Amino acid sequence: QVKLVESGGGLVQPGRSLRLSCAASARSFTSNAMAWYRQDPGNQRKWLASITYAGSTTYADSVKDRFTISSDNAKNAVYLQMNNLKPEDTAVYLCNMGRVASTGDYYASGFWGEGTLVTVSS
């Protein structure tokens, strides 16, 4: 059973940066990528970015100029560098281990972490 653990969230002022980490206990044999999502109260989880095990990245338009996804395959870890944070970035951030299809679309699996809360406020 794959376990994902996110860390790095917290309270940060607008305009500042934060780096999130996600550690996976193992890789699912059906996966070829990992991704970050966020969820704020009352809303569905929104996909933010994904990275294949080969290092190919894709971003949602809403964050592509401020967020950077990266990974360390040796550690089964994925990171999300978030710059110029805004109050509307406040959410629980979750990572997922899934697949990127030939179309470039990311398909989430059932492997989710519990999330890490990011609060952007002055």
Protein backbone atom coordinates (compact mmCIF):
# COMPACT_ATOMS: atom_id res chain seq x y z
CA GLN A 1 0.00 0.00 0.00
CA VAL A 2 1.43 3.34 -1.04
CA LYS A 3 1.44 6.04 1.61
CA LEU A 4 1.90 9.71 0.81
CA VAL A 5 2.84 12.30 3.42
CA GLU A 6 2.80 16.02 2.72
CA SER A 7 4.65 18.63 4.74
CA GLY A 8 5.76 22.22 4.60
CA GLY A 9 2.49 24.06 4.97
CA GLY A 10 1.89 26.91 7.37
CA LEU A 11 0.94 30.55 7.74
CA VAL A 12 2.66 32.91 5.33
CA GLN A 13 2.21 36.55 4.39
CA PRO A 14 1.06 37.55 0.91
CA GLY A 15 3.94 37.81 -1.52
CA ARG A 16 6.10 35.33 0.33
CA SER A 17 7.17 31.83 -0.73
CA LEU A 18 6.66 28.33 0.60
CA ARG A 19 7.97 24.93 -0.43
CA LEU A 20 5.85 21.86 0.06
CA SER A 21 7.14 18.32 0.14
CA CYS A 22 5.47 14.97 -0.44
CA ALA A 23 7.16 11.72 0.47
CA ALA A 24 5.91 8.44 -0.95
CA SER A 25 6.56 5.13 0.79
CA ALA A 26 6.83 3.38 -2.58
CA ARG A 27 5.77 3.65 -6.19
CA SER A 28 2.64 2.09 -7.50
CA PHE A 29 3.42 -0.12 -10.48
CA THR A 30 0.54 1.52 -12.33
CA SER A 31 1.83 5.06 -11.84
CA ASN A 32 4.14 7.14 -13.99
CA ALA A 33 3.74 10.52 -12.37
CA MET A 34 2.90 12.51 -9.26
CA ALA A 35 0.86 15.64 -8.87
CA TRP A 36 -0.19 18.38 -6.51
CA TYR A 37 -3.77 19.39 -5.89
CA ARG A 38 -5.41 21.84 -3.53
CA GLN A 39 -8.77 21.93 -1.87
CA ASP A 40 -10.42 24.79 -0.09
CA PRO A 41 -13.58 24.46 2.03
CA GLY A 42 -16.65 23.68 0.01
CA ASN A 43 -14.77 23.08 -3.22
CA GLN A 44 -13.50 20.11 -5.11
CA ARG A 45 -9.87 19.27 -5.33
CA LYS A 46 -8.19 21.21 -8.09
CA TRP A 47 -5.21 19.90 -9.99
CA LEU A 48 -2.24 22.27 -9.90
CA ALA A 49 0.73 20.54 -11.45
CA SER A 50 2.11 17.15 -12.33
CA ILE A 51 5.51 15.68 -13.05
CA THR A 52 6.28 12.38 -14.70
CA TYR A 53 8.99 10.10 -13.41
CA ALA A 54 10.93 11.16 -16.49
CA GLY A 55 10.70 14.78 -15.37
CA SER A 56 8.10 16.20 -17.73
CA THR A 57 5.98 18.86 -16.02
CA THR A 58 2.54 20.33 -16.65
CA TYR A 59 0.81 23.17 -14.83
CA ALA A 60 -2.63 24.63 -14.41
CA ASP A 61 -2.83 28.07 -15.99
CA SER A 62 -3.73 29.61 -12.65
CA VAL A 63 -0.36 28.77 -11.08
CA LYS A 64 2.12 28.20 -13.90
CA ASP A 65 3.81 31.54 -13.43
CA ARG A 66 4.25 31.20 -9.66
CA PHE A 67 4.49 27.50 -8.79
CA THR A 68 7.19 24.99 -9.71
CA ILE A 69 6.92 21.23 -9.30
CA SER A 70 10.02 19.10 -8.96
CA SER A 71 10.91 15.64 -7.81
CA ASP A 72 13.63 13.44 -6.41
CA ASN A 73 13.10 9.97 -7.82
CA ALA A 74 15.68 8.42 -5.52
CA LYS A 75 13.61 9.58 -2.54
CA ASN A 76 10.20 9.02 -4.14
CA ALA A 77 9.51 12.66 -3.31
CA VAL A 78 7.81 15.51 -5.07
CA TYR A 79 7.99 19.18 -4.19
CA LEU A 80 5.99 22.30 -4.91
CA GLN A 81 7.73 25.64 -4.78
CA MET A 82 5.15 28.38 -4.41
CA ASN A 83 6.18 31.98 -4.95
CA ASN A 84 4.33 35.27 -4.63
CA LEU A 85 1.59 33.65 -2.61
CA LYS A 86 -1.84 35.25 -2.54
CA PRO A 87 -4.72 34.95 -0.05
CA GLU A 88 -6.65 32.94 -2.63
CA ASP A 89 -3.93 30.29 -2.48
CA THR A 90 -5.15 29.41 1.02
CA ALA A 91 -6.12 25.74 0.92
CA VAL A 92 -5.16 22.23 1.90
CA TYR A 93 -2.52 21.00 -0.52
CA LEU A 94 -2.44 17.31 -1.36
CA CYS A 95 -0.22 15.12 -3.47
CA ASN A 96 -1.26 12.18 -5.57
CA MET A 97 0.48 9.35 -7.33
CA GLY A 98 -1.12 8.64 -10.70
CA ARG A 99 -0.62 8.65 -14.44
CA VAL A 100 -0.05 11.12 -17.22
CA ALA A 101 -1.70 9.90 -20.41
CA SER A 102 -0.32 10.31 -23.92
CA THR A 103 -2.59 13.36 -24.20
CA GLY A 104 -0.71 15.00 -21.36
CA ASP A 105 -3.68 14.83 -19.02
CA TYR A 106 -3.10 13.69 -15.46
CA TYR A 107 -5.28 10.92 -14.05
CA ALA A 108 -5.35 10.71 -10.28
CA SER A 109 -5.24 7.41 -8.50
CA GLY A 110 -6.65 6.54 -5.14
CA PHE A 111 -3.31 7.27 -3.50
CA TRP A 112 -3.66 10.54 -1.62
CA GLY A 113 -1.90 12.07 1.32
CA GLU A 114 -3.81 13.76 4.13
CA GLY A 115 -2.67 17.17 2.96
CA THR A 116 -0.89 20.15 4.41
CA LEU A 117 -2.64 23.42 5.16
CA VAL A 118 -1.35 26.62 3.61
CA THR A 119 -2.77 29.86 4.92
CA VAL A 120 -1.86 33.10 3.19
CA SER A 121 -2.74 36.07 5.33
CA SER A 122 -1.27 39.28 6.63
